[in-house]
Amino acid sequence: MSQSADLARAQQRFARRQRLVRWRSWLPWAIGGAALVLGGLVVWLFYFSTALAVDGVRVSGADTVPVATIENVAEAPVGTPLAKVDLSAIASRVRTIPAVADAQVTRAWPNKVVIVVTERVPVVVVTDGSRYELVDATGTAFRTVPDRPAGLPEAKITGARRDVTIRSVVTVSAALPSTLRAQVRSISAASPDSITLNLGSGVKVVWGSSDDSARKAEVLSVLMKRKATVYDVSAPDLPVTKGEKR
């Protein structure tokens, strides 16, 4: 009886070991199959299901550009799975808006496209006598307004090389100390090499080209300690004053 019981127990242990061996041999296949199914579900959920499809746009950073304009130009594909949206294409379209300097586009799961815009900041207003163009630090004219904005130097540009001249004027304006920039009534420029600052007091500053603008600004700050009607810093190492007052 004891031998029969021992034999039965041995057979049971052998059977369990066999089942364990078979289970272990099938385990990688089971895990691989489960991972494949799970991966298929994830792909379907993100790329084909409407559960994670675009249902709107969120815009930030827009102060002067209407949000509706950005949304219309962005043309975010509502109803398209968010994972399939071409973010760089949306950003490129938004950057075509004149007043937008840059745009970054990201996904906000589960359903939103987020657009963060950086607007151009005017540093000079260019006028031809009938309209006013806002120009940013890159020399890009991005908006026309009917009235002159307060607090910006007014640039009167003449001559054929208008775009180059505007960029030169912007460089000069950026180099001016804030106290001096506040005194500038207008900037006249017939070419990139013939820039003149007209101060509110009737004083003129002959600047010349935008080359060495930082150096010219330093020289002018010292030169203006003398009372004069004209300051010429076009050659900063040989500055000239005219109409000196005592």
Foldseek 3Di string as FASTA:
>chain_A
DVVVVVVVVVVVVVVVVVVVVVCVVCVVVVVVVVVVVVVVVVCCVQFPDQPQFADEEAEPQDDPDDPVVLRVQLPFPGSGRPVPTDQVSSFVSSCVQLQFPGWGWDDDPRHYIYIYTHGFDFQAWEDCPQWTFGAGLQLRGRDIDRDDDPPHAYEYEAEDVRSLLSNFVSLLSVLADPVVNNQFNYWYDDDQQFIWTQGPVQAIETQGHSPPSNLLNVLVVVVVVWAARYWYCVPVVDIDGHHTDD
